[in-house]
Protein backbone atom coordinates (compact mmCIF):
# COMPACT_ATOMS: atom_id res chain seq x y z
CA MET A 1 1.79 96.98 16.75
CA SER A 2 0.14 94.87 14.15
CA GLU A 3 -3.09 94.82 15.42
CA GLU A 4 -4.39 97.00 12.96
CA THR A 5 -4.05 94.07 10.23
CA VAL A 6 -6.47 92.21 12.20
CA PRO A 7 -10.01 93.73 12.29
CA LEU A 8 -11.76 92.93 15.44
CA THR A 9 -15.48 94.01 14.46
CA ALA A 10 -15.93 90.37 13.28
CA GLY A 11 -16.69 89.04 16.77
CA ALA A 12 -16.49 85.25 17.23
CA GLY A 13 -15.91 84.45 13.39
CA GLN A 14 -12.89 86.10 13.19
CA PRO A 15 -10.79 83.52 15.31
CA LYS A 16 -12.36 80.44 13.39
CA GLY A 17 -10.98 82.31 10.12
CA LEU A 18 -7.53 82.98 11.53
CA LEU A 19 -7.56 79.27 12.98
CA GLN A 20 -8.30 77.51 9.51
CA GLN A 21 -5.93 79.82 7.71
CA MET A 22 -3.04 78.73 10.13
CA GLU A 23 -4.15 75.12 9.60
CA GLU A 24 -4.01 75.37 6.13
CA LEU A 25 -0.87 77.15 6.19
CA MET A 26 0.56 74.47 8.63
CA ALA A 27 -0.65 71.75 5.98
CA ALA A 28 1.03 73.35 3.38
CA LEU A 29 4.35 73.50 5.33
CA ASN A 30 4.00 70.12 6.27
CA ALA A 31 3.68 69.32 2.60
CA ASP A 32 6.75 71.22 1.53
CA LEU A 33 8.80 69.52 4.40
CA SER A 34 7.68 66.16 3.55
CA ALA A 35 8.91 66.64 -0.03
CA LEU A 36 11.95 68.44 0.96
CA ASP A 37 12.90 65.10 3.23
CA ALA A 38 12.09 62.69 0.33
CA ASP A 39 14.23 64.95 -1.84
CA LEU A 40 16.95 64.57 0.33
CA GLN A 41 16.51 60.93 1.06
CA GLY A 42 16.56 60.40 -2.52
CA ALA A 43 20.02 62.28 -2.80
CA GLY A 44 21.60 59.58 -0.61
CA GLY A 45 24.36 60.95 1.63
CA SER A 46 25.59 63.48 -1.02
CA GLY A 47 24.50 66.31 1.64
CA ARG A 48 26.08 64.81 4.65
CA GLY A 49 29.61 65.74 6.08
CA VAL A 50 29.26 69.52 5.50
CA GLY A 51 31.15 70.33 8.70
CA GLU A 52 33.27 67.28 8.62
CA GLU A 53 35.94 68.00 6.09
CA GLY A 54 38.52 69.02 8.39
CA ALA A 55 37.75 66.64 11.11
CA GLY A 56 40.07 63.47 9.81
């Protein structure tokens, strides 16, 4: 289905390029998640209890 987006003519070089690209994307995602976690930790408890308003 999406095979046309990945040319198979590169032989053994293509998987290494894809692996490196995935590693870079995962590193970027990890950095973004770390920054988001730091933002949420710095916000204190303001983001907690979203579904607990009517529990009382």
